[in-house]
Amino acid sequence: VQYLPQLVLSVVVPAAVLARLGTLDLTSTVIVAVTLPLIP
């Protein structure tokens, strides 16, 4: 009920956010893309 749905969100949401950030600011997108894998 909690873990599996959140696991799906943890894949979909960061990808969508990165895609949107890429259209706004490349530097911020790179920072997020580099630091994001540290959490997993």
All heavy atoms as atom14 arrays in JSON, in Angstrom:
{
  "sequence": "VQYLPQLVLSVVVPAAVLARLGTLDLTSTVIVAVTLPLIP",
  "atom14_mask": [
    [1, 1, 1, 1, 1, 1, 1, 0, 0, 0, 0, 0, 0, 0],
    [1, 1, 1, 1, 1, 1, 1, 1, 1, 0, 0, 0, 0, 0],
    [1, 1, 1, 1, 1, 1, 1, 1, 1, 1, 1, 1, 0, 0],
    [1, 1, 1, 1, 1, 1, 1, 1, 0, 0, 0, 0, 0, 0],
    [1, 1, 1, 1, 1, 1, 1, 0, 0, 0, 0, 0, 0, 0],
    [1, 1, 1, 1, 1, 1, 1, 1, 1, 0, 0, 0, 0, 0],
    [1, 1, 1, 1, 1, 1, 1, 1, 0, 0, 0, 0, 0, 0],
    [1, 1, 1, 1, 1, 1, 1, 0, 0, 0, 0, 0, 0, 0],
    [1, 1, 1, 1, 1, 1, 1, 1, 0, 0, 0, 0, 0, 0],
    [1, 1, 1, 1, 1, 1, 0, 0, 0, 0, 0, 0, 0, 0],
    [1, 1, 1, 1, 1, 1, 1, 0, 0, 0, 0, 0, 0, 0],
    [1, 1, 1, 1, 1, 1, 1, 0, 0, 0, 0, 0, 0, 0],
    [1, 1, 1, 1, 1, 1, 1, 0, 0, 0, 0, 0, 0, 0],
    [1, 1, 1, 1, 1, 1, 1, 0, 0, 0, 0, 0, 0, 0],
    [1, 1, 1, 1, 1, 0, 0, 0, 0, 0, 0, 0, 0, 0],
    [1, 1, 1, 1, 1, 0, 0, 0, 0, 0, 0, 0, 0, 0],
    [1, 1, 1, 1, 1, 1, 1, 0, 0, 0, 0, 0, 0, 0],
    [1, 1, 1, 1, 1, 1, 1, 1, 0, 0, 0, 0, 0, 0],
    [1, 1, 1, 1, 1, 0, 0, 0, 0, 0, 0, 0, 0, 0],
    [1, 1, 1, 1, 1, 1, 1, 1, 1, 1, 1, 0, 0, 0],
    [1, 1, 1, 1, 1, 1, 1, 1, 0, 0, 0, 0, 0, 0],
    [1, 1, 1, 1, 0, 0, 0, 0, 0, 0, 0, 0, 0, 0],
    [1, 1, 1, 1, 1, 1, 1, 0, 0, 0, 0, 0, 0, 0],
    [1, 1, 1, 1, 1, 1, 1, 1, 0, 0, 0, 0, 0, 0],
    [1, 1, 1, 1, 1, 1, 1, 1, 0, 0, 0, 0, 0, 0],
    [1, 1, 1, 1, 1, 1, 1, 1, 0, 0, 0, 0, 0, 0],
    [1, 1, 1, 1, 1, 1, 1, 0, 0, 0, 0, 0, 0, 0],
    [1, 1, 1, 1, 1, 1, 0, 0, 0, 0, 0, 0, 0, 0],
    [1, 1, 1, 1, 1, 1, 1, 0, 0, 0, 0, 0, 0, 0],
    [1, 1, 1, 1, 1, 1, 1, 0, 0, 0, 0, 0, 0, 0],
    [1, 1, 1, 1, 1, 1, 1, 1, 0, 0, 0, 0, 0, 0],
    [1, 1, 1, 1, 1, 1, 1, 0, 0, 0, 0, 0, 0, 0],
    [1, 1, 1, 1, 1, 0, 0, 0, 0, 0, 0, 0, 0, 0],
    [1, 1, 1, 1, 1, 1, 1, 0, 0, 0, 0, 0, 0, 0],
    [1, 1, 1, 1, 1, 1, 1, 0, 0, 0, 0, 0, 0, 0],
    [1, 1, 1, 1, 1, 1, 1, 1, 0, 0, 0, 0, 0, 0],
    [1, 1, 1, 1, 1, 1, 1, 0, 0, 0, 0, 0, 0, 0],
    [1, 1, 1, 1, 1, 1, 1, 1, 0, 0, 0, 0, 0, 0],
    [1, 1, 1, 1, 1, 1, 1, 1, 0, 0, 0, 0, 0, 0],
    [1, 1, 1, 1, 1, 1, 1, 0, 0, 0, 0, 0, 0, 0]
  ],
  "atom14_positions": [
    [[0.82, -1.21, 0.0], [0.0, 0.0, 0.0], [0.86, 1.27, 0.0], [0.47, 2.27, -0.59], [-0.96, -0.01, 1.22], [-1.78, 1.27, 1.27], [-1.88, -1.22, 1.15], [0.0, 0.0, 0.0], [0.0, 0.0, 0.0], [0.0, 0.0, 0.0], [0.0, 0.0, 0.0], [0.0, 0.0, 0.0], [0.0, 0.0, 0.0], [0.0, 0.0, 0.0]],
    [[2.03, 1.21, 0.65], [2.86, 2.41, 0.76], [4.12, 2.35, -0.1], [4.38, 3.25, -0.9], [3.28, 2.62, 2.23], [2.1, 2.83, 3.17], [2.55, 3.01, 4.61], [3.63, 3.51, 4.88], [1.73, 2.57, 5.55], [0.0, 0.0, 0.0], [0.0, 0.0, 0.0], [0.0, 0.0, 0.0], [0.0, 0.0, 0.0], [0.0, 0.0, 0.0]],
    [[4.91, 1.26, 0.05], [6.23, 1.22, -0.58], [6.16, 1.11, -2.1], [6.8, 1.9, -2.81], [7.04, 0.06, 0.0], [8.39, -0.1, -0.66], [9.4, 0.83, -0.45], [8.65, -1.18, -1.5], [10.63, 0.7, -1.06], [9.88, -1.33, -2.11], [10.87, -0.39, -1.88], [12.09, -0.53, -2.5], [0.0, 0.0, 0.0], [0.0, 0.0, 0.0]],
    [[5.41, 0.16, -2.63], [5.4, -0.05, -4.08], [4.85, 1.16, -4.86], [5.46, 1.57, -5.86], [4.61, -1.31, -4.43], [5.29, -2.64, -4.05], [4.45, -3.82, -4.51], [6.69, -2.73, -4.65], [0.0, 0.0, 0.0], [0.0, 0.0, 0.0], [0.0, 0.0, 0.0], [0.0, 0.0, 0.0], [0.0, 0.0, 0.0], [0.0, 0.0, 0.0]],
    [[3.72, 1.78, -4.44], [3.28, 3.0, -5.15], [4.32, 4.12, -5.08], [4.53, 4.84, -6.06], [1.99, 3.39, -4.41], [1.5, 2.13, -3.8], [2.73, 1.37, -3.42], [0.0, 0.0, 0.0], [0.0, 0.0, 0.0], [0.0, 0.0, 0.0], [0.0, 0.0, 0.0], [0.0, 0.0, 0.0], [0.0, 0.0, 0.0], [0.0, 0.0, 0.0]],
    [[4.96, 4.26, -3.91], [5.98, 5.3, -3.78], [7.19, 5.0, -4.64], [7.85, 5.91, -5.16], [6.39, 5.43, -2.31], [7.25, 6.64, -2.0], [6.54, 7.94, -2.31], [5.41, 8.15, -1.89], [7.2, 8.83, -3.03], [0.0, 0.0, 0.0], [0.0, 0.0, 0.0], [0.0, 0.0, 0.0], [0.0, 0.0, 0.0], [0.0, 0.0, 0.0]],
    [[7.49, 3.72, -4.84], [8.6, 3.33, -5.7], [8.35, 3.78, -7.14], [9.26, 4.25, -7.83], [8.79, 1.81, -5.64], [10.09, 1.24, -6.21], [11.29, 1.78, -5.44], [10.06, -0.28, -6.16], [0.0, 0.0, 0.0], [0.0, 0.0, 0.0], [0.0, 0.0, 0.0], [0.0, 0.0, 0.0], [0.0, 0.0, 0.0], [0.0, 0.0, 0.0]],
    [[7.11, 3.64, -7.6], [6.75, 4.09, -8.94], [6.91, 5.61, -9.05], [7.49, 6.13, -10.01], [5.3, 3.68, -9.28], [4.88, 4.26, -10.63], [5.18, 2.16, -9.31], [0.0, 0.0, 0.0], [0.0, 0.0, 0.0], [0.0, 0.0, 0.0], [0.0, 0.0, 0.0], [0.0, 0.0, 0.0], [0.0, 0.0, 0.0], [0.0, 0.0, 0.0]],
    [[6.42, 6.33, -8.03], [6.55, 7.79, -8.03], [8.01, 8.22, -8.02], [8.38, 9.23, -8.64], [5.84, 8.38, -6.8], [4.31, 8.4, -6.84], [3.77, 8.93, -5.52], [3.81, 9.27, -7.99], [0.0, 0.0, 0.0], [0.0, 0.0, 0.0], [0.0, 0.0, 0.0], [0.0, 0.0, 0.0], [0.0, 0.0, 0.0], [0.0, 0.0, 0.0]],
    [[8.86, 7.46, -7.32], [10.28, 7.84, -7.22], [11.0, 7.7, -8.55], [12.1, 8.25, -8.72], [10.97, 6.98, -6.16], [11.11, 5.65, -6.6], [0.0, 0.0, 0.0], [0.0, 0.0, 0.0], [0.0, 0.0, 0.0], [0.0, 0.0, 0.0], [0.0, 0.0, 0.0], [0.0, 0.0, 0.0], [0.0, 0.0, 0.0], [0.0, 0.0, 0.0]],
    [[10.42, 6.97, -9.48], [11.0, 6.87, -10.83], [10.4, 7.92, -11.76], [11.12, 8.6, -12.5], [10.77, 5.45, -11.41], [11.25, 5.38, -12.85], [11.47, 4.41, -10.56], [0.0, 0.0, 0.0], [0.0, 0.0, 0.0], [0.0, 0.0, 0.0], [0.0, 0.0, 0.0], [0.0, 0.0, 0.0], [0.0, 0.0, 0.0], [0.0, 0.0, 0.0]],
    [[9.08, 8.09, -11.68], [8.37, 8.96, -12.63], [8.61, 10.45, -12.33], [8.93, 11.22, -13.23], [6.85, 8.65, -12.61], [6.1, 9.65, -13.48], [6.6, 7.23, -13.08], [0.0, 0.0, 0.0], [0.0, 0.0, 0.0], [0.0, 0.0, 0.0], [0.0, 0.0, 0.0], [0.0, 0.0, 0.0], [0.0, 0.0, 0.0], [0.0, 0.0, 0.0]],
    [[8.47, 10.83, -11.06], [8.52, 12.26, -10.71], [9.9, 12.88, -10.96], [9.99, 13.94, -11.61], [8.06, 12.48, -9.25], [8.27, 13.94, -8.83], [6.59, 12.1, -9.1], [0.0, 0.0, 0.0], [0.0, 0.0, 0.0], [0.0, 0.0, 0.0], [0.0, 0.0, 0.0], [0.0, 0.0, 0.0], [0.0, 0.0, 0.0], [0.0, 0.0, 0.0]],
    [[11.02, 12.29, -10.47], [12.32, 12.9, -10.76], [12.6, 13.03, -12.26], [13.18, 14.03, -12.7], [13.33, 11.94, -10.1], [12.55, 11.3, -9.01], [11.16, 11.13, -9.56], [0.0, 0.0, 0.0], [0.0, 0.0, 0.0], [0.0, 0.0, 0.0], [0.0, 0.0, 0.0], [0.0, 0.0, 0.0], [0.0, 0.0, 0.0], [0.0, 0.0, 0.0]],
    [[12.18, 12.03, -13.05], [12.39, 12.1, -14.5], [11.61, 13.27, -15.1], [12.14, 14.02, -15.95], [11.96, 10.79, -15.16], [0.0, 0.0, 0.0], [0.0, 0.0, 0.0], [0.0, 0.0, 0.0], [0.0, 0.0, 0.0], [0.0, 0.0, 0.0], [0.0, 0.0, 0.0], [0.0, 0.0, 0.0], [0.0, 0.0, 0.0], [0.0, 0.0, 0.0]],
    [[10.38, 13.46, -14.65], [9.56, 14.57, -15.16], [10.14, 15.92, -14.74], [10.18, 16.87, -15.54], [8.13, 14.42, -14.64], [0.0, 0.0, 0.0], [0.0, 0.0, 0.0], [0.0, 0.0, 0.0], [0.0, 0.0, 0.0], [0.0, 0.0, 0.0], [0.0, 0.0, 0.0], [0.0, 0.0, 0.0], [0.0, 0.0, 0.0], [0.0, 0.0, 0.0]],
    [[10.61, 16.01, -13.49], [11.19, 17.26, -13.0], [12.47, 17.59, -13.77], [12.7, 18.74, -14.17], [11.47, 17.16, -11.49], [12.3, 18.38, -11.02], [10.17, 17.09, -10.71], [0.0, 0.0, 0.0], [0.0, 0.0, 0.0], [0.0, 0.0, 0.0], [0.0, 0.0, 0.0], [0.0, 0.0, 0.0], [0.0, 0.0, 0.0], [0.0, 0.0, 0.0]],
    [[13.32, 16.58, -13.99], [14.55, 16.81, -14.74], [14.26, 17.28, -16.17], [14.94, 18.16, -16.69], [15.39, 15.53, -14.77], [16.26, 15.24, -13.55], [16.88, 13.87, -13.65], [17.34, 16.3, -13.38], [0.0, 0.0, 0.0], [0.0, 0.0, 0.0], [0.0, 0.0, 0.0], [0.0, 0.0, 0.0], [0.0, 0.0, 0.0], [0.0, 0.0, 0.0]],
    [[13.23, 16.67, -16.78], [12.86, 17.07, -18.14], [12.43, 18.53, -18.18], [12.8, 19.28, -19.1], [11.74, 16.17, -18.66], [0.0, 0.0, 0.0], [0.0, 0.0, 0.0], [0.0, 0.0, 0.0], [0.0, 0.0, 0.0], [0.0, 0.0, 0.0], [0.0, 0.0, 0.0], [0.0, 0.0, 0.0], [0.0, 0.0, 0.0], [0.0, 0.0, 0.0]],
    [[11.67, 18.96, -17.17], [11.22, 20.35, -17.12], [12.38, 21.3, -16.79], [12.49, 22.38, -17.39], [10.11, 20.51, -16.07], [9.57, 21.91, -15.95], [8.86, 22.34, -17.22], [8.34, 23.7, -17.1], [8.66, 24.68, -17.91], [9.48, 24.46, -18.93], [8.14, 25.88, -17.75], [0.0, 0.0, 0.0], [0.0, 0.0, 0.0], [0.0, 0.0, 0.0]],
    [[13.25, 20.89, -15.86], [14.4, 21.74, -15.53], [15.31, 21.91, -16.74], [15.93, 22.98, -16.91], [15.19, 21.11, -14.37], [14.56, 21.18, -12.98], [15.43, 20.45, -11.96], [14.35, 22.63, -12.54], [0.0, 0.0, 0.0], [0.0, 0.0, 0.0], [0.0, 0.0, 0.0], [0.0, 0.0, 0.0], [0.0, 0.0, 0.0], [0.0, 0.0, 0.0]],
    [[15.4, 20.88, -17.57], [16.26, 20.97, -18.75], [15.85, 22.06, -19.71], [16.68, 22.62, -20.44], [0.0, 0.0, 0.0], [0.0, 0.0, 0.0], [0.0, 0.0, 0.0], [0.0, 0.0, 0.0], [0.0, 0.0, 0.0], [0.0, 0.0, 0.0], [0.0, 0.0, 0.0], [0.0, 0.0, 0.0], [0.0, 0.0, 0.0], [0.0, 0.0, 0.0]],
    [[14.56, 22.41, -19.72], [14.08, 23.48, -20.59], [14.26, 24.86, -19.96], [14.09, 25.87, -20.63], [12.58, 23.28, -20.9], [11.81, 23.4, -19.69], [12.33, 21.91, -21.51], [0.0, 0.0, 0.0], [0.0, 0.0, 0.0], [0.0, 0.0, 0.0], [0.0, 0.0, 0.0], [0.0, 0.0, 0.0], [0.0, 0.0, 0.0], [0.0, 0.0, 0.0]],
    [[14.6, 24.9, -18.66], [14.72, 26.18, -17.96], [16.17, 26.58, -17.7], [16.56, 27.72, -17.95], [13.98, 26.09, -16.6], [12.46, 25.92, -16.65], [11.94, 25.57, -15.27], [11.8, 27.19, -17.16], [0.0, 0.0, 0.0], [0.0, 0.0, 0.0], [0.0, 0.0, 0.0], [0.0, 0.0, 0.0], [0.0, 0.0, 0.0], [0.0, 0.0, 0.0]],
    [[16.96, 25.63, -17.17], [18.33, 25.98, -16.76], [19.2, 24.72, -16.79], [18.98, 23.79, -15.99], [18.3, 26.58, -15.35], [19.69, 26.98, -14.87], [20.52, 27.35, -15.71], [19.93, 26.88, -13.65], [0.0, 0.0, 0.0], [0.0, 0.0, 0.0], [0.0, 0.0, 0.0], [0.0, 0.0, 0.0], [0.0, 0.0, 0.0], [0.0, 0.0, 0.0]],
    [[20.17, 24.7, -17.67], [21.02, 23.52, -17.85], [21.9, 23.26, -16.62], [22.08, 22.11, -16.21], [21.89, 23.69, -19.09], [22.74, 22.47, -19.49], [21.83, 21.27, -19.76], [23.6, 22.79, -20.71], [0.0, 0.0, 0.0], [0.0, 0.0, 0.0], [0.0, 0.0, 0.0], [0.0, 0.0, 0.0], [0.0, 0.0, 0.0], [0.0, 0.0, 0.0]],
    [[22.42, 24.31, -16.0], [23.3, 24.15, -14.84], [22.58, 23.47, -13.69], [23.1, 22.53, -13.07], [23.84, 25.51, -14.38], [24.5, 26.15, -15.47], [24.82, 25.34, -13.23], [0.0, 0.0, 0.0], [0.0, 0.0, 0.0], [0.0, 0.0, 0.0], [0.0, 0.0, 0.0], [0.0, 0.0, 0.0], [0.0, 0.0, 0.0], [0.0, 0.0, 0.0]],
    [[21.37, 23.95, -13.39], [20.59, 23.35, -12.32], [20.23, 21.9, -12.63], [20.24, 21.04, -11.76], [19.3, 24.15, -12.08], [19.6, 25.47, -11.69], [0.0, 0.0, 0.0], [0.0, 0.0, 0.0], [0.0, 0.0, 0.0], [0.0, 0.0, 0.0], [0.0, 0.0, 0.0], [0.0, 0.0, 0.0], [0.0, 0.0, 0.0], [0.0, 0.0, 0.0]],
    [[19.94, 21.64, -13.9], [19.62, 20.27, -14.32], [20.8, 19.34, -14.08], [20.63, 18.21, -13.59], [19.23, 20.24, -15.81], [18.19, 21.19, -16.04], [18.76, 18.87, -16.23], [0.0, 0.0, 0.0], [0.0, 0.0, 0.0], [0.0, 0.0, 0.0], [0.0, 0.0, 0.0], [0.0, 0.0, 0.0], [0.0, 0.0, 0.0], [0.0, 0.0, 0.0]],
    [[22.01, 19.8, -14.39], [23.21, 18.98, -14.19], [23.43, 18.71, -12.7], [23.74, 17.59, -12.29], [24.44, 19.67, -14.81], [25.73, 18.96, -14.39], [24.32, 19.7, -16.33], [0.0, 0.0, 0.0], [0.0, 0.0, 0.0], [0.0, 0.0, 0.0], [0.0, 0.0, 0.0], [0.0, 0.0, 0.0], [0.0, 0.0, 0.0], [0.0, 0.0, 0.0]],
    [[23.25, 19.76, -11.86], [23.44, 19.6, -10.41], [22.47, 18.55, -9.86], [22.85, 17.65, -9.1], [23.26, 20.94, -9.67], [24.38, 21.91, -10.05], [23.23, 20.73, -8.16], [24.19, 23.32, -9.5], [0.0, 0.0, 0.0], [0.0, 0.0, 0.0], [0.0, 0.0, 0.0], [0.0, 0.0, 0.0], [0.0, 0.0, 0.0], [0.0, 0.0, 0.0]],
    [[21.19, 18.67, -10.25], [20.19, 17.72, -9.77], [20.49, 16.32, -10.3], [20.4, 15.33, -9.56], [18.77, 18.17, -10.2], [17.74, 17.1, -9.85], [18.4, 19.48, -9.52], [0.0, 0.0, 0.0], [0.0, 0.0, 0.0], [0.0, 0.0, 0.0], [0.0, 0.0, 0.0], [0.0, 0.0, 0.0], [0.0, 0.0, 0.0], [0.0, 0.0, 0.0]],
    [[20.87, 16.21, -11.57], [21.13, 14.89, -12.18], [22.33, 14.21, -11.52], [22.36, 12.98, -11.38], [21.38, 15.05, -13.67], [0.0, 0.0, 0.0], [0.0, 0.0, 0.0], [0.0, 0.0, 0.0], [0.0, 0.0, 0.0], [0.0, 0.0, 0.0], [0.0, 0.0, 0.0], [0.0, 0.0, 0.0], [0.0, 0.0, 0.0], [0.0, 0.0, 0.0]],
    [[23.32, 14.99, -11.07], [24.51, 14.42, -10.44], [24.23, 14.01, -8.99], [24.69, 12.95, -8.52], [25.69, 15.42, -10.5], [26.85, 14.95, -9.63], [26.15, 15.57, -11.94], [0.0, 0.0, 0.0], [0.0, 0.0, 0.0], [0.0, 0.0, 0.0], [0.0, 0.0, 0.0], [0.0, 0.0, 0.0], [0.0, 0.0, 0.0], [0.0, 0.0, 0.0]],
    [[23.49, 14.86, -8.25], [23.26, 14.58, -6.82], [22.11, 13.6, -6.59], [22.08, 12.92, -5.56], [22.95, 15.89, -6.07], [21.82, 16.55, -6.69], [24.15, 16.83, -6.1], [0.0, 0.0, 0.0], [0.0, 0.0, 0.0], [0.0, 0.0, 0.0], [0.0, 0.0, 0.0], [0.0, 0.0, 0.0], [0.0, 0.0, 0.0], [0.0, 0.0, 0.0]],
    [[21.19, 13.49, -7.52], [20.03, 12.62, -7.35], [20.41, 11.16, -7.11], [19.85, 10.51, -6.21], [19.11, 12.75, -8.56], [17.61, 12.48, -8.36], [17.04, 13.34, -7.25], [16.86, 12.74, -9.67], [0.0, 0.0, 0.0], [0.0, 0.0, 0.0], [0.0, 0.0, 0.0], [0.0, 0.0, 0.0], [0.0, 0.0, 0.0], [0.0, 0.0, 0.0]],
    [[21.35, 10.58, -7.88], [21.69, 9.15, -7.64], [22.33, 8.88, -6.29], [22.38, 7.72, -5.86], [22.69, 8.85, -8.77], [22.45, 9.89, -9.81], [22.04, 11.11, -9.06], [0.0, 0.0, 0.0], [0.0, 0.0, 0.0], [0.0, 0.0, 0.0], [0.0, 0.0, 0.0], [0.0, 0.0, 0.0], [0.0, 0.0, 0.0], [0.0, 0.0, 0.0]],
    [[22.83, 9.93, -5.61], [23.45, 9.71, -4.3], [22.43, 9.2, -3.29], [22.78, 8.41, -2.4], [24.08, 11.01, -3.79], [25.26, 11.55, -4.59], [25.71, 12.89, -4.02], [26.41, 10.55, -4.59], [0.0, 0.0, 0.0], [0.0, 0.0, 0.0], [0.0, 0.0, 0.0], [0.0, 0.0, 0.0], [0.0, 0.0, 0.0], [0.0, 0.0, 0.0]],
    [[21.18, 9.64, -3.41], [20.15, 9.23, -2.45], [19.87, 7.73, -2.55], [19.88, 7.03, -1.53], [18.87, 10.07, -2.62], [19.17, 11.53, -2.25], [17.74, 9.52, -1.77], [18.0, 12.46, -2.35], [0.0, 0.0, 0.0], [0.0, 0.0, 0.0], [0.0, 0.0, 0.0], [0.0, 0.0, 0.0], [0.0, 0.0, 0.0], [0.0, 0.0, 0.0]],
    [[19.63, 7.17, -3.76], [19.45, 5.7, -3.83], [20.67, 4.91, -3.35], [20.51, 3.85, -2.75], [19.2, 5.45, -5.32], [18.68, 6.74, -5.85], [19.36, 7.79, -5.06], [0.0, 0.0, 0.0], [0.0, 0.0, 0.0], [0.0, 0.0, 0.0], [0.0, 0.0, 0.0], [0.0, 0.0, 0.0], [0.0, 0.0, 0.0], [0.0, 0.0, 0.0]]
  ]
}
